[in-house]
Amino acid sequence: MEQVFLFVLNNAITVSALIIAIIMVRALGKKMPKWITCMLWMIVAVKLTVPVQFESVMSLIPTGKPIPTNIITENNPQIKSGISSSVNSLQIFFRIGALVWLTGVILMLTYAVATYVLIRKRVSVSVKIDSKVYECDDISDSFILGTISPKVYIPSSLPEGAREYILKHEFAHLSRYDHLWKPLGFLILSVYWFNPLCWIAYILLCKDIEYACDEKVTKNIEKDEKAEYCKILLENSMPRKMIAACPVAFGETDVKNRIKNVVNYKRPAFWITIASIMVCAGVGVCFATNKSLKPVNEQQVAETEQVQAEQPVQKNEQDDKFIAVADVADEAASNVSAPEGSGWIGIVKTPDGVLKVRSAPNADSENIGYVAPDEEVQIIEEVDGWYKIITSDGEGYVDGEYVDSYK
């Protein structure tokens, strides 16, 4: 369970930049069609749900795993002060953190199920008046309930004049599959409940869903009809005190701004739509992907391991142990010095193939990956002659003797 929590935690960290970028685009792109704004939130959903990490040379996210995956299982964890321990205290932290996270997920899902059951019970005595449309005496607002077989519920007291516009709005939701997107958004929020930015993203998603439906309904009607629609929206507004996974209701979200958006809405020019789509794609490429790293040749890996296996053995006079000649440099590596800081770049220079990436700054630690010759790596810090670098699998250490560093 700790590994699952670590995966979720890494996702929550890397998606934060994407959410902030979307909030900025949303604030600056006032003329952007709202359906495109909703597409931006779909990028967030893909980022948080798809386990595959997409890479791009244009990405502004250095790694998809800011917390290394081996941090839980490391037997000899070391910190910058040089203190090491045989017991990994992080195991305790992640175990407790995983339990707290799982408890939050269960509470969120319980709330969603309880909300659905209570609403389902309330509309159980509804009367069908049309295809997918039901009247109910026990509700005060119109909404859609259900995902596989969604139904529109309207109050029995709803005036005939208002019914036409409200049904248009609700069927616009159905045509856009909002009865699926909103519960999916809440399900994702239930997993990432500990990230405040995910709460902001869900709230803004709910608003943008309503804006997009308002635009869909009013884009082809006259000003008088827009005024009537706004009047009906205001009369049927029902402020909701809590965030809900369901239903998709007519007057529940940000009524004041929705009315302003309807009144000021003008069909966007073609170039605005194209520019908005390009911005959407740019945000996805820059913030929903990770930096692409130079792939390691498998043949080079095999050749390197074979060369190291054939290395002669040399006596180490200090500790009276036999070590491979290739590892003699590991002891001398402590003499290699390089300034610390994330602003340093290194170029891998290995005579016999790829360079191993270790989980800790010593040759006895676990091998967690490889870097290819002439590959450029980002250096975080220097520890006892080893460089801590960022790789596609997280962070690791390489022997400083085989890396030329520069700022």
Protein backbone atom coordinates (compact mmCIF):
# COMPACT_ATOMS: atom_id res chain seq x y z
CA MET A 1 0.00 0.00 0.00
CA GLU A 2 2.96 2.32 0.65
CA GLN A 3 4.00 2.02 -3.01
CA VAL A 4 0.48 2.98 -4.14
CA PHE A 5 0.55 5.97 -1.78
CA LEU A 6 3.97 6.97 -3.12
CA PHE A 7 2.62 6.80 -6.69
CA VAL A 8 -0.35 9.00 -5.71
CA LEU A 9 1.94 11.41 -3.83
CA ASN A 10 4.26 11.81 -6.83
CA ASN A 11 1.26 12.43 -9.08
CA ALA A 12 -0.15 15.01 -6.67
CA ILE A 13 3.17 16.89 -6.67
CA THR A 14 3.72 16.91 -10.43
CA VAL A 15 0.10 17.80 -11.29
CA SER A 16 0.22 20.92 -9.12
CA ALA A 17 2.13 22.87 -11.78
CA LEU A 18 -0.44 21.80 -14.40
CA ILE A 19 -3.38 22.97 -12.26
CA ILE A 20 -1.71 26.34 -11.58
CA ALA A 21 -1.04 26.77 -15.32
CA ILE A 22 -4.70 26.04 -16.13
CA ILE A 23 -5.91 28.48 -13.47
CA MET A 24 -3.73 31.18 -15.06
CA VAL A 25 -4.92 30.36 -18.59
CA ARG A 26 -8.50 30.33 -17.37
CA ALA A 27 -8.09 33.76 -15.73
CA LEU A 28 -6.40 35.32 -18.76
CA GLY A 29 -8.49 33.63 -21.45
CA LYS A 30 -11.80 35.36 -20.84
CA LYS A 31 -12.81 34.96 -24.50
CA MET A 32 -11.83 31.30 -24.62
CA PRO A 33 -14.84 29.04 -25.36
CA LYS A 34 -15.85 27.30 -22.14
CA TRP A 35 -15.91 23.86 -23.72
CA ILE A 36 -12.17 24.26 -24.36
CA THR A 37 -11.66 25.25 -20.72
CA CYS A 38 -13.35 21.98 -19.77
CA MET A 39 -10.89 20.16 -22.04
CA LEU A 40 -8.04 21.59 -19.94
CA TRP A 41 -9.48 19.89 -16.86
CA MET A 42 -9.65 16.64 -18.82
CA ILE A 43 -5.86 16.88 -19.21
CA VAL A 44 -5.63 16.98 -15.41
CA ALA A 45 -7.87 13.90 -15.20
CA VAL A 46 -5.64 12.00 -17.64
CA LYS A 47 -2.52 13.05 -15.76
CA LEU A 48 -3.94 11.80 -12.45
CA THR A 49 -5.45 8.52 -13.67
CA VAL A 50 -3.21 7.14 -16.43
CA PRO A 51 -0.20 5.31 -14.90
CA VAL A 52 1.88 5.80 -18.06
CA GLN A 53 4.20 8.82 -17.94
CA PHE A 54 4.39 10.74 -21.20
CA GLU A 55 7.67 12.41 -22.12
CA SER A 56 8.41 15.50 -24.19
CA VAL A 57 11.47 17.62 -24.93
CA MET A 58 9.25 20.68 -24.38
CA SER A 59 8.17 19.61 -20.90
CA LEU A 60 8.78 22.00 -18.00
CA ILE A 61 8.45 19.17 -15.48
CA PRO A 62 11.92 17.67 -14.84
CA THR A 63 10.72 14.30 -13.52
CA GLY A 64 7.51 12.39 -12.92
CA LYS A 65 8.92 10.96 -9.68
CA PRO A 66 10.15 13.78 -7.45
CA ILE A 67 10.15 11.25 -4.59
CA PRO A 68 12.28 8.24 -5.67
CA THR A 69 10.43 4.93 -5.73
CA ASN A 70 13.24 3.19 -3.82
CA ILE A 71 13.11 5.62 -0.90
CA ILE A 72 10.89 3.26 1.12
CA THR A 73 12.99 0.12 0.66
CA GLU A 74 16.47 1.66 1.03
CA ASN A 75 18.31 -0.25 3.75
CA ASN A 76 20.95 2.41 4.44
CA PRO A 77 19.30 5.81 3.95
CA GLN A 78 21.60 8.81 4.06
CA ILE A 79 20.92 12.50 4.46
CA LYS A 80 23.05 15.55 3.66
CA SER A 81 24.65 15.57 7.11
CA GLY A 82 26.17 12.17 6.36
CA ILE A 83 24.18 10.38 9.08
CA SER A 84 23.04 6.91 8.07
CA SER A 85 20.86 4.34 9.76
CA SER A 86 20.14 0.65 9.33
CA VAL A 87 16.46 1.34 9.89
CA ASN A 88 14.68 3.47 7.33
CA SER A 89 12.56 5.92 9.33
CA LEU A 90 10.78 6.86 6.10
CA GLN A 91 9.12 3.45 6.11
CA ILE A 92 7.26 4.46 9.27
CA PHE A 93 6.31 7.83 7.80
CA PHE A 94 4.97 6.34 4.56
CA ARG A 95 3.13 3.57 6.38
CA ILE A 96 1.32 6.08 8.62
CA GLY A 97 0.79 8.43 5.68
CA ALA A 98 -0.69 5.62 3.59
CA LEU A 99 -3.16 4.74 6.35
CA VAL A 100 -4.24 8.39 6.75
CA TRP A 101 -4.60 8.73 2.96
CA LEU A 102 -6.66 5.54 2.68
CA THR A 103 -8.92 6.69 5.52
CA GLY A 104 -9.57 9.96 3.67
CA VAL A 105 -10.38 8.10 0.45
CA ILE A 106 -12.88 5.87 2.26
CA LEU A 107 -14.57 8.87 3.90
CA MET A 108 -14.86 10.73 0.59
CA LEU A 109 -16.34 7.73 -1.21
CA THR A 110 -18.72 7.06 1.69
CA TYR A 111 -19.96 10.65 1.46
CA ALA A 112 -20.51 10.30 -2.30
CA VAL A 113 -22.45 7.03 -1.95
CA ALA A 114 -24.54 8.39 0.94
CA THR A 115 -25.41 11.52 -1.07
CA TYR A 116 -26.49 9.43 -4.04
CA VAL A 117 -28.61 7.09 -1.92
CA LEU A 118 -30.39 9.98 -0.17
CA ILE A 119 -31.19 11.74 -3.46
CA ARG A 120 -32.30 8.47 -5.05
CA LYS A 121 -34.65 7.90 -2.11
CA ARG A 122 -36.04 11.43 -2.43
CA VAL A 123 -36.95 11.00 -6.14
CA SER A 124 -38.26 7.45 -5.75
CA VAL A 125 -41.87 8.71 -6.03
CA SER A 126 -41.27 10.70 -9.23
CA VAL A 127 -43.69 10.58 -12.17
CA LYS A 128 -42.40 10.11 -15.72
CA ILE A 129 -43.70 12.86 -18.05
CA ASP A 130 -41.42 12.34 -21.05
CA SER A 131 -38.47 10.33 -22.27
CA LYS A 132 -35.81 10.59 -19.51
CA VAL A 133 -37.80 13.37 -17.77
CA TYR A 134 -39.45 12.92 -14.36
CA GLU A 135 -41.46 15.23 -12.09
CA CYS A 136 -41.05 15.13 -8.33
CA ASP A 137 -42.87 16.94 -5.49
CA ASP A 138 -40.01 16.56 -3.06
CA ILE A 139 -37.29 18.55 -4.89
CA SER A 140 -36.78 22.28 -5.39
CA ASP A 141 -34.26 22.26 -8.25
CA SER A 142 -33.85 20.46 -11.57
CA PHE A 143 -30.96 18.03 -11.98
CA ILE A 144 -29.64 14.91 -13.69
CA LEU A 145 -29.18 11.74 -11.68
CA GLY A 146 -27.50 8.57 -12.85
CA THR A 147 -24.48 7.69 -14.99
CA ILE A 148 -25.35 4.58 -17.01
CA SER A 149 -29.01 5.50 -17.45
CA PRO A 150 -29.24 9.22 -16.56
CA LYS A 151 -32.62 10.82 -15.93
CA VAL A 152 -33.69 14.47 -15.67
CA TYR A 153 -35.71 15.38 -12.56
CA ILE A 154 -37.67 18.64 -12.36
CA PRO A 155 -39.86 20.06 -9.56
CA SER A 156 -43.60 19.59 -9.98
CA SER A 157 -44.10 23.26 -9.17
CA LEU A 158 -41.91 24.43 -12.08
CA PRO A 159 -43.78 26.95 -14.31
CA GLU A 160 -44.38 25.91 -17.91
CA GLY A 161 -42.41 28.88 -19.28
CA ALA A 162 -39.32 27.97 -17.28
CA ARG A 163 -39.55 24.27 -18.05
CA GLU A 164 -38.54 24.68 -21.70
CA TYR A 165 -35.25 26.47 -20.93
CA ILE A 166 -34.37 24.26 -17.99
CA LEU A 167 -34.88 21.09 -20.03
CA LYS A 168 -32.70 22.55 -22.79
CA HIS A 169 -29.99 23.15 -20.22
CA GLU A 170 -30.23 19.66 -18.73
CA PHE A 171 -30.22 17.96 -22.12
CA ALA A 172 -27.17 20.06 -23.03
CA HIS A 173 -25.50 18.44 -20.01
CA LEU A 174 -26.47 15.02 -21.34
CA SER A 175 -25.14 15.75 -24.82
CA ARG A 176 -21.81 16.79 -23.27
CA TYR A 177 -21.71 13.72 -20.97
CA ASP A 178 -21.38 15.95 -17.91
CA HIS A 179 -23.27 13.33 -15.87
CA LEU A 180 -20.10 11.24 -16.31
CA TRP A 181 -17.43 13.92 -16.04
CA LYS A 182 -18.58 15.38 -12.73
CA PRO A 183 -18.72 12.04 -10.81
CA LEU A 184 -15.38 11.10 -12.37
CA GLY A 185 -13.94 14.40 -11.15
CA PHE A 186 -15.18 13.69 -7.63
CA LEU A 187 -13.77 10.15 -7.76
CA ILE A 188 -10.35 11.55 -8.67
CA LEU A 189 -10.70 14.16 -5.93
CA SER A 190 -11.42 11.35 -3.46
CA VAL A 191 -8.01 9.83 -4.25
CA TYR A 192 -6.11 13.15 -4.20
CA TRP A 193 -8.10 14.75 -1.35
CA PHE A 194 -4.93 15.87 0.48
CA ASN A 195 -3.90 18.27 -2.33
CA PRO A 196 -5.66 21.66 -1.96
CA LEU A 197 -5.10 22.39 -5.66
CA CYS A 198 -7.18 19.33 -6.57
CA TRP A 199 -10.10 20.78 -4.57
CA ILE A 200 -9.73 24.07 -6.44
CA ALA A 201 -9.59 22.19 -9.75
CA TYR A 202 -12.81 20.30 -8.96
CA ILE A 203 -14.67 23.46 -7.94
CA LEU A 204 -13.57 25.25 -11.12
CA LEU A 205 -14.50 22.18 -13.21
CA CYS A 206 -18.06 22.33 -11.84
CA LYS A 207 -18.27 26.02 -12.73
CA ASP A 208 -16.87 25.53 -16.23
CA ILE A 209 -19.32 22.68 -16.88
CA GLU A 210 -22.21 25.05 -16.16
CA TYR A 211 -20.68 27.88 -18.21
CA ALA A 212 -20.24 25.56 -21.19
CA CYS A 213 -23.87 24.40 -20.99
CA ASP A 214 -25.15 27.96 -20.70
CA GLU A 215 -23.19 28.87 -23.82
CA LYS A 216 -24.50 25.83 -25.68
CA VAL A 217 -28.11 26.75 -24.88
CA THR A 218 -27.91 30.51 -25.52
CA LYS A 219 -25.51 30.76 -28.47
CA ASN A 220 -28.31 30.75 -31.06
CA ILE A 221 -31.07 32.68 -29.28
CA GLU A 222 -32.01 36.37 -29.32
CA LYS A 223 -31.39 38.94 -26.58
CA ASP A 224 -34.97 38.76 -25.30
CA GLU A 225 -34.68 35.01 -24.90
CA LYS A 226 -31.31 35.43 -23.16
CA ALA A 227 -32.95 37.81 -20.70
CA GLU A 228 -35.70 35.28 -20.03
CA TYR A 229 -33.11 32.51 -19.56
CA CYS A 230 -31.19 34.65 -17.04
CA LYS A 231 -34.42 35.41 -15.18
CA ILE A 232 -35.25 31.72 -14.93
CA LEU A 233 -31.69 30.93 -13.85
CA LEU A 234 -31.93 33.51 -11.07
CA GLU A 235 -35.36 32.36 -9.92
CA ASN A 236 -34.25 28.73 -9.73
CA SER A 237 -30.87 29.32 -8.14
CA MET A 238 -30.29 27.04 -5.17
CA PRO A 239 -26.96 27.71 -3.41
CA ARG A 240 -25.35 24.46 -2.29
CA LYS A 241 -23.48 24.41 1.02
CA MET A 242 -21.34 21.34 0.35
CA ILE A 243 -19.39 19.96 -2.58
CA ALA A 244 -21.31 17.08 -4.11
CA ALA A 245 -20.40 14.34 -6.55
CA CYS A 246 -23.94 14.38 -7.89
CA PRO A 247 -26.28 15.60 -9.21
CA VAL A 248 -25.66 17.98 -12.10
CA ALA A 249 -28.18 20.64 -11.05
CA PHE A 250 -29.53 23.64 -12.99
CA GLY A 251 -29.06 26.46 -10.49
CA GLU A 252 -26.50 25.16 -8.05
CA THR A 253 -23.24 26.78 -9.16
CA ASP A 254 -22.03 30.40 -9.37
CA VAL A 255 -25.34 31.84 -10.64
CA LYS A 256 -24.20 35.47 -10.60
CA ASN A 257 -21.20 34.89 -12.89
CA ARG A 258 -23.21 32.53 -15.08
CA ILE A 259 -25.75 35.28 -15.75
CA LYS A 260 -22.95 37.74 -16.57
CA ASN A 261 -21.39 35.19 -18.90
CA VAL A 262 -24.72 34.62 -20.72
CA VAL A 263 -25.39 38.35 -21.11
CA ASN A 264 -21.87 39.09 -22.43
CA TYR A 265 -21.52 35.98 -24.55
CA LYS A 266 -20.65 36.43 -28.21
CA ARG A 267 -19.80 33.65 -30.58
CA PRO A 268 -15.96 33.57 -30.60
CA ALA A 269 -14.13 34.29 -33.82
CA PHE A 270 -12.58 31.34 -35.62
CA TRP A 271 -9.04 32.48 -34.80
CA ILE A 272 -9.88 32.67 -31.09
CA THR A 273 -11.08 29.07 -31.13
CA ILE A 274 -7.94 27.91 -32.97
CA ALA A 275 -5.68 29.90 -30.63
CA SER A 276 -7.49 28.44 -27.61
CA ILE A 277 -6.98 24.90 -28.90
CA MET A 278 -3.29 25.62 -29.43
CA VAL A 279 -2.98 26.99 -25.90
CA CYS A 280 -4.72 23.88 -24.59
CA ALA A 281 -2.26 21.66 -26.46
CA GLY A 282 0.70 23.75 -25.27
CA VAL A 283 -0.35 23.48 -21.64
CA GLY A 284 -0.68 19.72 -22.02
CA VAL A 285 2.73 19.30 -23.64
CA CYS A 286 4.58 21.60 -21.22
CA PHE A 287 2.94 20.63 -17.93
CA ALA A 288 1.35 17.17 -18.34
CA THR A 289 4.53 15.47 -19.59
CA ASN A 290 8.01 14.88 -18.18
CA LYS A 291 11.41 15.71 -19.60
CA SER A 292 12.43 13.08 -22.14
CA LEU A 293 15.77 11.50 -21.39
CA LYS A 294 18.18 9.90 -23.82
CA PRO A 295 17.33 6.17 -24.03
CA VAL A 296 19.91 3.68 -22.83
CA ASN A 297 21.08 1.12 -25.33
CA GLU A 298 20.42 -2.38 -23.94
CA GLN A 299 23.44 -3.74 -25.77
CA GLN A 300 25.63 -1.16 -24.01
CA VAL A 301 24.23 -2.29 -20.67
CA ALA A 302 25.07 -5.92 -21.41
CA GLU A 303 28.57 -5.04 -22.63
CA THR A 304 29.23 -2.93 -19.52
CA GLU A 305 28.17 -5.72 -17.15
CA GLN A 306 30.33 -8.21 -19.06
CA VAL A 307 33.39 -5.92 -18.88
CA GLN A 308 32.89 -5.39 -15.16
CA ALA A 309 32.51 -9.13 -14.57
CA GLU A 310 35.84 -9.76 -16.33
CA GLN A 311 37.73 -7.06 -14.39
CA PRO A 312 40.76 -8.44 -12.43
CA VAL A 313 40.72 -8.19 -8.68
CA GLN A 314 43.05 -5.90 -6.72
CA LYS A 315 43.89 -5.98 -3.01
CA ASN A 316 42.76 -3.02 -0.95
CA GLU A 317 45.39 -2.47 1.78
CA GLN A 318 43.16 -0.39 4.08
CA ASP A 319 40.38 -2.84 4.86
CA ASP A 320 42.07 -6.06 3.68
CA LYS A 321 39.20 -6.81 1.27
CA PHE A 322 39.33 -7.70 -2.39
CA ILE A 323 37.52 -5.33 -4.74
CA ALA A 324 37.22 -5.12 -8.52
CA VAL A 325 39.62 -2.77 -10.33
CA ALA A 326 36.61 -1.00 -11.81
CA ASP A 327 35.46 -0.22 -8.26
CA VAL A 328 38.84 1.11 -7.06
CA ALA A 329 37.77 4.49 -8.39
CA ASP A 330 34.80 4.41 -6.02
CA GLU A 331 37.10 4.98 -3.05
CA ALA A 332 39.03 7.73 -4.81
CA ALA A 333 35.81 9.40 -5.88
CA SER A 334 35.55 11.17 -2.54
CA ASN A 335 38.31 13.48 -3.79
CA VAL A 336 36.11 14.69 -6.64
CA SER A 337 34.54 18.00 -5.78
CA ALA A 338 31.72 19.89 -7.42
CA PRO A 339 29.60 22.76 -6.27
CA GLU A 340 26.22 21.80 -4.87
CA GLY A 341 22.91 23.03 -6.26
CA SER A 342 20.32 22.17 -8.85
CA GLY A 343 21.86 24.56 -11.40
CA TRP A 344 24.61 22.09 -12.41
CA ILE A 345 24.60 19.93 -15.51
CA GLY A 346 26.77 16.89 -16.11
CA ILE A 347 27.89 15.00 -19.23
CA VAL A 348 28.43 11.25 -18.76
CA LYS A 349 31.92 10.13 -19.86
CA THR A 350 32.42 6.36 -19.59
CA PRO A 351 35.07 4.39 -21.47
CA ASP A 352 33.31 1.01 -21.26
CA GLY A 353 29.62 1.73 -21.92
CA VAL A 354 26.76 2.93 -19.74
CA LEU A 355 27.09 4.25 -16.19
CA LYS A 356 25.13 2.66 -13.37
CA VAL A 357 22.77 4.77 -11.26
CA ARG A 358 22.86 3.78 -7.57
CA SER A 359 20.23 4.29 -4.86
CA ALA A 360 22.84 5.72 -2.46
CA PRO A 361 26.29 7.38 -2.85
CA ASN A 362 28.33 4.18 -2.66
CA ALA A 363 29.19 1.26 -4.91
CA ASP A 364 27.47 -1.30 -2.63
CA SER A 365 24.01 0.26 -2.95
CA GLU A 366 21.25 -1.02 -5.22
CA ASN A 367 21.55 -0.43 -8.97
CA ILE A 368 18.35 1.40 -10.00
CA GLY A 369 19.11 2.33 -13.60
CA TYR A 370 21.63 3.40 -16.22
CA VAL A 371 22.69 6.54 -18.07
CA ALA A 372 24.20 6.42 -21.52
CA PRO A 373 27.59 7.85 -22.59
CA ASP A 374 27.43 11.55 -23.54
CA GLU A 375 24.01 11.85 -21.90
CA GLU A 376 23.29 15.16 -20.20
CA VAL A 377 22.06 14.86 -16.61
CA GLN A 378 20.85 17.40 -14.07
CA ILE A 379 22.94 17.42 -10.89
CA ILE A 380 21.19 18.14 -7.61
CA GLU A 381 24.18 17.90 -5.25
CA GLU A 382 27.58 16.29 -4.67
CA VAL A 383 27.98 13.75 -1.84
CA ASP A 384 31.38 12.19 -1.12
CA GLY A 385 32.43 12.20 -4.74
CA TRP A 386 29.06 11.01 -6.04
CA TYR A 387 26.59 13.18 -7.94
CA LYS A 388 22.91 13.03 -7.07
CA ILE A 389 21.07 13.30 -10.40
CA ILE A 390 17.52 13.30 -11.75
CA THR A 391 16.53 10.36 -13.97
CA SER A 392 13.28 9.21 -15.54
CA ASP A 393 12.79 6.87 -12.56
CA GLY A 394 13.41 9.54 -9.94
CA GLU A 395 16.66 10.49 -8.23
CA GLY A 396 19.84 8.46 -7.95
CA TYR A 397 23.62 8.66 -7.57
CA VAL A 398 26.43 8.23 -10.13
CA ASP A 399 30.18 8.11 -9.64
CA GLY A 400 31.49 11.68 -10.04
CA GLU A 401 34.67 10.41 -11.76
CA TYR A 402 32.66 9.59 -14.87
CA VAL A 403 30.70 12.84 -15.08
CA ASP A 404 32.02 16.16 -16.36
CA SER A 405 30.06 18.87 -14.56
CA TYR A 406 29.53 22.48 -15.53
CA LYS A 407 27.14 25.28 -14.66
